[in-house]
Amino acid sequence: LVPPSPPISQTTSAVKILTPTPDAVADVAASTVVLQFPTNAQVELRVNGELVDRSLIGRTETDASTNLVTQTWYGVSLKEGENTIEF
């Protein structure tokens, strides 16, 4: 897996991919992806430039004290070899 390119806009500058970590090696063709972002941000997940279906969002937690959302996407498809995950 390749880390995402640096965000450009102020809104996405606080978006983080918590899982998988950069250079992680997956032994299956799908992965769980965990994103963290401000409550006011709208986030789209892409793998290798392809938009990931929002139906894969399995869990969303909002921390009112930090105004951060932690969102877990399950079963995100990967291809064999290197994959780029971005938002």
PDB file of N, CA and C in Angstrom:
ATOM      1  N   LEU A   1       0.839  -1.173   0.000  1.00  0.00           N
ATOM      2  CA  LEU A   1       0.000   0.000   0.000  1.00  0.00           C
ATOM      3  C   LEU A   1       0.886   1.238   0.000  1.00  0.00           C
ATOM      4  N   VAL A   2       0.451   2.243  -0.721  1.00  0.00           N
ATOM      5  CA  VAL A   2       1.207   3.484  -0.822  1.00  0.00           C
ATOM      6  C   VAL A   2       0.463   4.554  -0.038  1.00  0.00           C
ATOM      7  N   PRO A   3       1.162   5.368   0.751  1.00  0.00           N
ATOM      8  CA  PRO A   3       0.464   6.409   1.504  1.00  0.00           C
ATOM      9  C   PRO A   3      -0.197   7.409   0.576  1.00  0.00           C
ATOM     10  N   PRO A   4      -1.255   8.063   1.053  1.00  0.00           N
ATOM     11  CA  PRO A   4      -1.954   9.023   0.201  1.00  0.00           C
ATOM     12  C   PRO A   4      -1.086  10.234  -0.087  1.00  0.00           C
ATOM     13  N   SER A   5      -1.380  10.904  -1.191  1.00  0.00           N
ATOM     14  CA  SER A   5      -0.672  12.136  -1.486  1.00  0.00           C
ATOM     15  C   SER A   5      -1.126  13.207  -0.501  1.00  0.00           C
ATOM     16  N   PRO A   6      -0.287  14.184  -0.220  1.00  0.00           N
ATOM     17  CA  PRO A   6      -0.653  15.201   0.765  1.00  0.00           C
ATOM     18  C   PRO A   6      -1.902  15.958   0.348  1.00  0.00           C
ATOM     19  N   PRO A   7      -2.791  16.204   1.296  1.00  0.00           N
ATOM     20  CA  PRO A   7      -4.006  16.949   0.974  1.00  0.00           C
ATOM     21  C   PRO A   7      -3.693  18.402   0.635  1.00  0.00           C
ATOM     22  N   ILE A   8      -4.543  19.002  -0.180  1.00  0.00           N
ATOM     23  CA  ILE A   8      -4.317  20.370  -0.626  1.00  0.00           C
ATOM     24  C   ILE A   8      -5.223  21.348   0.104  1.00  0.00           C
ATOM     25  N   SER A   9      -6.506  21.042   0.205  1.00  0.00           N
ATOM     26  CA  SER A   9      -7.442  22.015   0.770  1.00  0.00           C
ATOM     27  C   SER A   9      -7.443  21.981   2.291  1.00  0.00           C
ATOM     28  N   GLN A  10      -7.863  23.076   2.886  1.00  0.00           N
ATOM     29  CA  GLN A  10      -7.929  23.207   4.340  1.00  0.00           C
ATOM     30  C   GLN A  10      -8.884  22.174   4.936  1.00  0.00           C
ATOM     31  N   THR A  11      -9.987  21.897   4.259  1.00  0.00           N
ATOM     32  CA  THR A  11     -10.992  20.976   4.784  1.00  0.00           C
ATOM     33  C   THR A  11     -10.430  19.572   4.955  1.00  0.00           C
ATOM     34  N   THR A  12      -9.636  19.108   3.998  1.00  0.00           N
ATOM     35  CA  THR A  12      -9.135  17.740   4.073  1.00  0.00           C
ATOM     36  C   THR A  12      -7.787  17.639   4.765  1.00  0.00           C
ATOM     37  N   SER A  13      -7.202  18.755   5.183  1.00  0.00           N
ATOM     38  CA  SER A  13      -5.861  18.693   5.765  1.00  0.00           C
ATOM     39  C   SER A  13      -5.833  17.885   7.053  1.00  0.00           C
ATOM     40  N   ALA A  14      -6.967  17.728   7.713  1.00  0.00           N
ATOM     41  CA  ALA A  14      -6.997  16.972   8.958  1.00  0.00           C
ATOM     42  C   ALA A  14      -7.480  15.543   8.742  1.00  0.00           C
ATOM     43  N   VAL A  15      -7.685  15.129   7.495  1.00  0.00           N
ATOM     44  CA  VAL A  15      -8.106  13.759   7.222  1.00  0.00           C
ATOM     45  C   VAL A  15      -6.890  12.853   7.334  1.00  0.00           C
ATOM     46  N   LYS A  16      -7.057  11.758   8.067  1.00  0.00           N
ATOM     47  CA  LYS A  16      -5.952  10.805   8.245  1.00  0.00           C
ATOM     48  C   LYS A  16      -6.445   9.404   7.935  1.00  0.00           C
ATOM     49  N   ILE A  17      -5.571   8.606   7.365  1.00  0.00           N
ATOM     50  CA  ILE A  17      -5.834   7.174   7.218  1.00  0.00           C
ATOM     51  C   ILE A  17      -5.124   6.499   8.390  1.00  0.00           C
ATOM     52  N   LEU A  18      -5.925   5.937   9.301  1.00  0.00           N
ATOM     53  CA  LEU A  18      -5.352   5.282  10.479  1.00  0.00           C
ATOM     54  C   LEU A  18      -4.926   3.848  10.168  1.00  0.00           C
ATOM     55  N   THR A  19      -5.717   3.189   9.321  1.00  0.00           N
ATOM     56  CA  THR A  19      -5.436   1.815   8.916  1.00  0.00           C
ATOM     57  C   THR A  19      -5.828   1.664   7.461  1.00  0.00           C
ATOM     58  N   PRO A  20      -5.086   1.036   6.626  1.00  0.00           N
ATOM     59  CA  PRO A  20      -3.787   0.408   6.876  1.00  0.00           C
ATOM     60  C   PRO A  20      -2.681   1.457   6.948  1.00  0.00           C
ATOM     61  N   THR A  21      -1.579   1.067   7.540  1.00  0.00           N
ATOM     62  CA  THR A  21      -0.445   1.971   7.638  1.00  0.00           C
ATOM     63  C   THR A  21       0.314   1.975   6.315  1.00  0.00           C
ATOM     64  N   PRO A  22       1.055   3.052   6.038  1.00  0.00           N
ATOM     65  CA  PRO A  22       1.861   3.070   4.807  1.00  0.00           C
ATOM     66  C   PRO A  22       2.776   1.850   4.757  1.00  0.00           C
ATOM     67  N   ASP A  23       2.930   1.302   3.578  1.00  0.00           N
ATOM     68  CA  ASP A  23       3.785   0.131   3.327  1.00  0.00           C
ATOM     69  C   ASP A  23       3.277  -1.151   3.980  1.00  0.00           C
ATOM     70  N   ALA A  24       2.014  -1.163   4.434  1.00  0.00           N
ATOM     71  CA  ALA A  24       1.434  -2.396   4.981  1.00  0.00           C
ATOM     72  C   ALA A  24       1.302  -3.421   3.855  1.00  0.00           C
ATOM     73  N   VAL A  25       1.416  -4.667   4.207  1.00  0.00           N
ATOM     74  CA  VAL A  25       1.275  -5.753   3.239  1.00  0.00           C
ATOM     75  C   VAL A  25      -0.001  -6.520   3.571  1.00  0.00           C
ATOM     76  N   ALA A  26      -0.904  -6.610   2.596  1.00  0.00           N
ATOM     77  CA  ALA A  26      -2.156  -7.337   2.795  1.00  0.00           C
ATOM     78  C   ALA A  26      -2.004  -8.732   2.211  1.00  0.00           C
ATOM     79  N   ASP A  27      -2.527  -9.733   2.916  1.00  0.00           N
ATOM     80  CA  ASP A  27      -2.433 -11.102   2.423  1.00  0.00           C
ATOM     81  C   ASP A  27      -3.736 -11.566   1.774  1.00  0.00           C
ATOM     82  N   VAL A  28      -4.712 -10.662   1.697  1.00  0.00           N
ATOM     83  CA  VAL A  28      -5.983 -10.954   1.033  1.00  0.00           C
ATOM     84  C   VAL A  28      -6.308  -9.805   0.084  1.00  0.00           C
ATOM     85  N   ALA A  29      -7.308  -9.990  -0.767  1.00  0.00           N
ATOM     86  CA  ALA A  29      -7.629  -8.996  -1.792  1.00  0.00           C
ATOM     87  C   ALA A  29      -8.581  -7.911  -1.312  1.00  0.00           C
ATOM     88  N   ALA A  30      -8.731  -7.785   0.013  1.00  0.00           N
ATOM     89  CA  ALA A  30      -9.584  -6.735   0.570  1.00  0.00           C
ATOM     90  C   ALA A  30      -8.988  -6.294   1.901  1.00  0.00           C
ATOM     91  N   SER A  31      -9.339  -5.085   2.300  1.00  0.00           N
ATOM     92  CA  SER A  31      -8.778  -4.541   3.526  1.00  0.00           C
ATOM     93  C   SER A  31      -9.827  -3.719   4.267  1.00  0.00           C
ATOM     94  N   THR A  32      -9.618  -3.567   5.557  1.00  0.00           N
ATOM     95  CA  THR A  32     -10.395  -2.628   6.348  1.00  0.00           C
ATOM     96  C   THR A  32      -9.632  -1.315   6.322  1.00  0.00           C
ATOM     97  N   VAL A  33     -10.343  -0.218   6.032  1.00  0.00           N
ATOM     98  CA  VAL A  33      -9.718   1.103   5.993  1.00  0.00           C
ATOM     99  C   VAL A  33     -10.400   1.962   7.053  1.00  0.00           C
ATOM    100  N   VAL A  34      -9.598   2.582   7.916  1.00  0.00           N
ATOM    101  CA  VAL A  34     -10.130   3.449   8.959  1.00  0.00           C
ATOM    102  C   VAL A  34      -9.644   4.869   8.698  1.00  0.00           C
ATOM    103  N   LEU A  35     -10.603   5.780   8.540  1.00  0.00           N
ATOM    104  CA  LEU A  35     -10.313   7.190   8.306  1.00  0.00           C
ATOM    105  C   LEU A  35     -10.696   8.003   9.524  1.00  0.00           C
ATOM    106  N   GLN A  36     -10.001   9.116   9.741  1.00  0.00           N
ATOM    107  CA  GLN A  36     -10.382  10.053  10.790  1.00  0.00           C
ATOM    108  C   GLN A  36     -10.395  11.442  10.172  1.00  0.00           C
ATOM    109  N   PHE A  37     -11.473  12.193  10.426  1.00  0.00           N
ATOM    110  CA  PHE A  37     -11.613  13.507   9.808  1.00  0.00           C
ATOM    111  C   PHE A  37     -12.525  14.396  10.642  1.00  0.00           C
ATOM    112  N   PRO A  38     -12.461  15.725  10.431  1.00  0.00           N
ATOM    113  CA  PRO A  38     -13.323  16.647  11.175  1.00  0.00           C
ATOM    114  C   PRO A  38     -14.793  16.399  10.856  1.00  0.00           C
ATOM    115  N   THR A  39     -15.663  16.673  11.819  1.00  0.00           N
ATOM    116  CA  THR A  39     -17.095  16.414  11.639  1.00  0.00           C
ATOM    117  C   THR A  39     -17.688  17.190  10.466  1.00  0.00           C
ATOM    118  N   ASN A  40     -17.106  18.318  10.103  1.00  0.00           N
ATOM    119  CA  ASN A  40     -17.654  19.122   9.005  1.00  0.00           C
ATOM    120  C   ASN A  40     -17.122  18.722   7.635  1.00  0.00           C
ATOM    121  N   ALA A  41     -16.251  17.730   7.558  1.00  0.00           N
ATOM    122  CA  ALA A  41     -15.655  17.322   6.280  1.00  0.00           C
ATOM    123  C   ALA A  41     -16.521  16.280   5.575  1.00  0.00           C
ATOM    124  N   GLN A  42     -16.557  16.354   4.257  1.00  0.00           N
ATOM    125  CA  GLN A  42     -17.178  15.327   3.426  1.00  0.00           C
ATOM    126  C   GLN A  42     -16.044  14.526   2.794  1.00  0.00           C
ATOM    127  N   VAL A  43     -16.012  13.233   3.033  1.00  0.00           N
ATOM    128  CA  VAL A  43     -14.882  12.418   2.602  1.00  0.00           C
ATOM    129  C   VAL A  43     -15.332  11.348   1.618  1.00  0.00           C
ATOM    130  N   GLU A  44     -14.570  11.192   0.553  1.00  0.00           N
ATOM    131  CA  GLU A  44     -14.745  10.081  -0.388  1.00  0.00           C
ATOM    132  C   GLU A  44     -13.476   9.253  -0.322  1.00  0.00           C
ATOM    133  N   LEU A  45     -13.623   7.953  -0.353  1.00  0.00           N
ATOM    134  CA  LEU A  45     -12.468   7.057  -0.322  1.00  0.00           C
ATOM    135  C   LEU A  45     -12.226   6.532  -1.729  1.00  0.00           C
ATOM    136  N   ARG A  46     -10.963   6.523  -2.144  1.00  0.00           N
ATOM    137  CA  ARG A  46     -10.585   5.997  -3.460  1.00  0.00           C
ATOM    138  C   ARG A  46      -9.426   5.016  -3.294  1.00  0.00           C
ATOM    139  N   VAL A  47      -9.486   3.960  -4.073  1.00  0.00           N
ATOM    140  CA  VAL A  47      -8.388   2.998  -4.133  1.00  0.00           C
ATOM    141  C   VAL A  47      -7.966   2.917  -5.588  1.00  0.00           C
ATOM    142  N   ASN A  48      -6.707   3.210  -5.840  1.00  0.00           N
ATOM    143  CA  ASN A  48      -6.161   3.206  -7.202  1.00  0.00           C
ATOM    144  C   ASN A  48      -6.988   4.093  -8.132  1.00  0.00           C
ATOM    145  N   GLY A  49      -7.469   5.217  -7.594  1.00  0.00           N
ATOM    146  CA  GLY A  49      -8.232   6.177  -8.381  1.00  0.00           C
ATOM    147  C   GLY A  49      -9.705   5.863  -8.520  1.00  0.00           C
ATOM    148  N   GLU A  50     -10.139   4.698  -8.073  1.00  0.00           N
ATOM    149  CA  GLU A  50     -11.543   4.284  -8.188  1.00  0.00           C
ATOM    150  C   GLU A  50     -12.291   4.626  -6.904  1.00  0.00           C
ATOM    151  N   LEU A  51     -13.460   5.250  -7.053  1.00  0.00           N
ATOM    152  CA  LEU A  51     -14.289   5.595  -5.906  1.00  0.00           C
ATOM    153  C   LEU A  51     -14.797   4.326  -5.228  1.00  0.00           C
ATOM    154  N   VAL A  52     -14.663   4.260  -3.908  1.00  0.00           N
ATOM    155  CA  VAL A  52     -15.124   3.099  -3.134  1.00  0.00           C
ATOM    156  C   VAL A  52     -16.588   3.325  -2.756  1.00  0.00           C
ATOM    157  N   ASP A  53     -17.400   2.293  -2.912  1.00  0.00           N
ATOM    158  CA  ASP A  53     -18.832   2.352  -2.612  1.00  0.00           C
ATOM    159  C   ASP A  53     -19.054   2.652  -1.126  1.00  0.00           C
ATOM    160  N   ARG A  54     -19.871   3.670  -0.850  1.00  0.00           N
ATOM    161  CA  ARG A  54     -20.148   4.077   0.530  1.00  0.00           C
ATOM    162  C   ARG A  54     -20.866   2.989   1.330  1.00  0.00           C
ATOM    163  N   SER A  55     -21.411   1.984   0.662  1.00  0.00           N
ATOM    164  CA  SER A  55     -22.076   0.890   1.383  1.00  0.00           C
ATOM    165  C   SER A  55     -21.071   0.073   2.198  1.00  0.00           C
ATOM    166  N   LEU A  56     -19.776   0.265   1.951  1.00  0.00           N
ATOM    167  CA  LEU A  56     -18.750  -0.457   2.697  1.00  0.00           C
ATOM    168  C   LEU A  56     -18.441   0.204   4.043  1.00  0.00           C
ATOM    169  N   ILE A  57     -19.057   1.367   4.298  1.00  0.00           N
ATOM    170  CA  ILE A  57     -18.880   2.003   5.603  1.00  0.00           C
ATOM    171  C   ILE A  57     -19.637   1.156   6.622  1.00  0.00           C
ATOM    172  N   GLY A  58     -18.909   0.602   7.581  1.00  0.00           N
ATOM    173  CA  GLY A  58     -19.542  -0.276   8.550  1.00  0.00           C
ATOM    174  C   GLY A  58     -19.721   0.359   9.903  1.00  0.00           C
ATOM    175  N   ARG A  59     -18.903   1.348  10.206  1.00  0.00           N
ATOM    176  CA  ARG A  59     -18.964   1.949  11.536  1.00  0.00           C
ATOM    177  C   ARG A  59     -18.522   3.396  11.447  1.00  0.00           C
ATOM    178  N   THR A  60     -19.255   4.268  12.110  1.00  0.00           N
ATOM    179  CA  THR A  60     -18.891   5.679  12.169  1.00  0.00           C
ATOM    180  C   THR A  60     -19.047   6.140  13.615  1.00  0.00           C
ATOM    181  N   GLU A  61     -17.974   6.674  14.167  1.00  0.00           N
ATOM    182  CA  GLU A  61     -17.999   7.184  15.536  1.00  0.00           C
ATOM    183  C   GLU A  61     -17.649   8.665  15.506  1.00  0.00           C
ATOM    184  N   THR A  62     -18.383   9.471  16.262  1.00  0.00           N
ATOM    185  CA  THR A  62     -18.100  10.896  16.361  1.00  0.00           C
ATOM    186  C   THR A  62     -17.704  11.226  17.787  1.00  0.00           C
ATOM    187  N   ASP A  63     -16.552  11.874  17.939  1.00  0.00           N
ATOM    188  CA  ASP A  63     -16.088  12.305  19.254  1.00  0.00           C
ATOM    189  C   ASP A  63     -16.422  13.785  19.399  1.00  0.00           C
ATOM    190  N   ALA A  64     -17.428  14.086  20.204  1.00  0.00           N
ATOM    191  CA  ALA A  64     -17.892  15.466  20.362  1.00  0.00           C
ATOM    192  C   ALA A  64     -16.835  16.362  21.002  1.00  0.00           C
ATOM    193  N   SER A  65     -15.948  15.790  21.803  1.00  0.00           N
ATOM    194  CA  SER A  65     -14.937  16.611  22.472  1.00  0.00           C
ATOM    195  C   SER A  65     -13.843  17.077  21.518  1.00  0.00           C
ATOM    196  N   THR A  66     -13.558  16.286  20.477  1.00  0.00           N
ATOM    197  CA  THR A  66     -12.508  16.663  19.514  1.00  0.00           C
ATOM    198  C   THR A  66     -13.092  17.070  18.162  1.00  0.00           C
ATOM    199  N   ASN A  67     -14.417  16.879  17.983  1.00  0.00           N
ATOM    200  CA  ASN A  67     -15.073  17.124  16.688  1.00  0.00           C
ATOM    201  C   ASN A  67     -14.440  16.311  15.567  1.00  0.00           C
ATOM    202  N   LEU A  68     -14.053  15.081  15.893  1.00  0.00           N
ATOM    203  CA  LEU A  68     -13.478  14.182  14.897  1.00  0.00           C
ATOM    204  C   LEU A  68     -14.385  12.972  14.695  1.00  0.00           C
ATOM    205  N   VAL A  69     -14.462  12.544  13.444  1.00  0.00           N
ATOM    206  CA  VAL A  69     -15.208  11.343  13.080  1.00  0.00           C
ATOM    207  C   VAL A  69     -14.197  10.256  12.755  1.00  0.00           C
ATOM    208  N   THR A  70     -14.411   9.057  13.284  1.00  0.00           N
ATOM    209  CA  THR A  70     -13.608   7.896  12.915  1.00  0.00           C
ATOM    210  C   THR A  70     -14.533   6.960  12.166  1.00  0.00           C
ATOM    211  N   GLN A  71     -14.171   6.671  10.929  1.00  0.00           N
ATOM    212  CA  GLN A  71     -15.050   5.894  10.043  1.00  0.00           C
ATOM    213  C   GLN A  71     -14.312   4.643   9.572  1.00  0.00           C
ATOM    214  N   THR A  72     -14.982   3.500   9.693  1.00  0.00           N
ATOM    215  CA  THR A  72     -14.383   2.221   9.308  1.00  0.00           C
ATOM    216  C   THR A  72     -15.091   1.685   8.072  1.00  0.00           C
ATOM    217  N   TRP A  73     -14.315   1.421   7.028  1.00  0.00           N
ATOM    218  CA  TRP A  73     -14.802   0.846   5.771  1.00  0.00           C
ATOM    219  C   TRP A  73     -14.332  -0.608   5.739  1.00  0.00           C
ATOM    220  N   TYR A  74     -15.273  -1.541   5.538  1.00  0.00           N
ATOM    221  CA  TYR A  74     -14.944  -2.975   5.543  1.00  0.00           C
ATOM    222  C   TYR A  74     -14.962  -3.545   4.135  1.00  0.00           C
ATOM    223  N   GLY A  75     -14.035  -4.465   3.867  1.00  0.00           N
ATOM    224  CA  GLY A  75     -14.032  -5.182   2.598  1.00  0.00           C
ATOM    225  C   GLY A  75     -13.668  -4.333   1.399  1.00  0.00           C
ATOM    226  N   VAL A  76     -12.775  -3.357   1.594  1.00  0.00           N
ATOM    227  CA  VAL A  76     -12.336  -2.496   0.493  1.00  0.00           C
ATOM    228  C   VAL A  76     -11.431  -3.323  -0.429  1.00  0.00           C
ATOM    229  N   SER A  77     -11.826  -3.432  -1.697  1.00  0.00           N
ATOM    230  CA  SER A  77     -11.110  -4.274  -2.655  1.00  0.00           C
ATOM    231  C   SER A  77      -9.737  -3.710  -2.991  1.00  0.00           C
ATOM    232  N   LEU A  78      -8.779  -4.618  -3.070  1.00  0.00           N
ATOM    233  CA  LEU A  78      -7.420  -4.278  -3.465  1.00  0.00           C
ATOM    234  C   LEU A  78      -7.038  -5.121  -4.664  1.00  0.00           C
ATOM    235  N   LYS A  79      -6.087  -4.628  -5.442  1.00  0.00           N
ATOM    236  CA  LYS A  79      -5.571  -5.437  -6.555  1.00  0.00           C
ATOM    237  C   LYS A  79      -4.253  -6.053  -6.130  1.00  0.00           C
ATOM    238  N   GLU A  80      -3.793  -7.024  -6.860  1.00  0.00           N
ATOM    239  CA  GLU A  80      -2.513  -7.631  -6.562  1.00  0.00           C
ATOM    240  C   GLU A  80      -1.410  -6.611  -6.823  1.00  0.00           C
ATOM    241  N   GLY A  81      -0.438  -6.552  -5.947  1.00  0.00           N
ATOM    242  CA  GLY A  81       0.647  -5.590  -6.105  1.00  0.00           C
ATOM    243  C   GLY A  81       0.399  -4.341  -5.281  1.00  0.00           C
ATOM    244  N   GLU A  82       0.952  -3.237  -5.738  1.00  0.00           N
ATOM    245  CA  GLU A  82       0.859  -1.984  -4.996  1.00  0.00           C
ATOM    246  C   GLU A  82      -0.503  -1.317  -5.178  1.00  0.00           C
ATOM    247  N   ASN A  83      -1.052  -0.803  -4.092  1.00  0.00           N
ATOM    248  CA  ASN A  83      -2.333  -0.112  -4.111  1.00  0.00           C
ATOM    249  C   ASN A  83      -2.178   1.272  -3.498  1.00  0.00           C
ATOM    250  N   THR A  84      -2.909   2.236  -4.043  1.00  0.00           N
ATOM    251  CA  THR A  84      -2.889   3.598  -3.501  1.00  0.00           C
ATOM    252  C   THR A  84      -4.262   3.894  -2.914  1.00  0.00           C
ATOM    253  N   ILE A  85      -4.285   4.223  -1.621  1.00  0.00           N
ATOM    254  CA  ILE A  85      -5.523   4.580  -0.936  1.00  0.00           C
ATOM    255  C   ILE A  85      -5.470   6.070  -0.689  1.00  0.00           C
ATOM    256  N   GLU A  86      -6.531   6.773  -1.114  1.00  0.00           N
ATOM    257  CA  GLU A  86      -6.573   8.218  -0.925  1.00  0.00           C
ATOM    258  C   GLU A  86      -7.993   8.661  -0.631  1.00  0.00           C
ATOM    259  N   PHE A  87      -8.137   9.901  -0.239  1.00  0.00           N
ATOM    260  CA  PHE A  87      -9.434  10.444   0.108  1.00  0.00           C
ATOM    261  C   PHE A  87      -9.668  11.711  -0.656  1.00  0.00           C
TER     262      PHE A  87
END
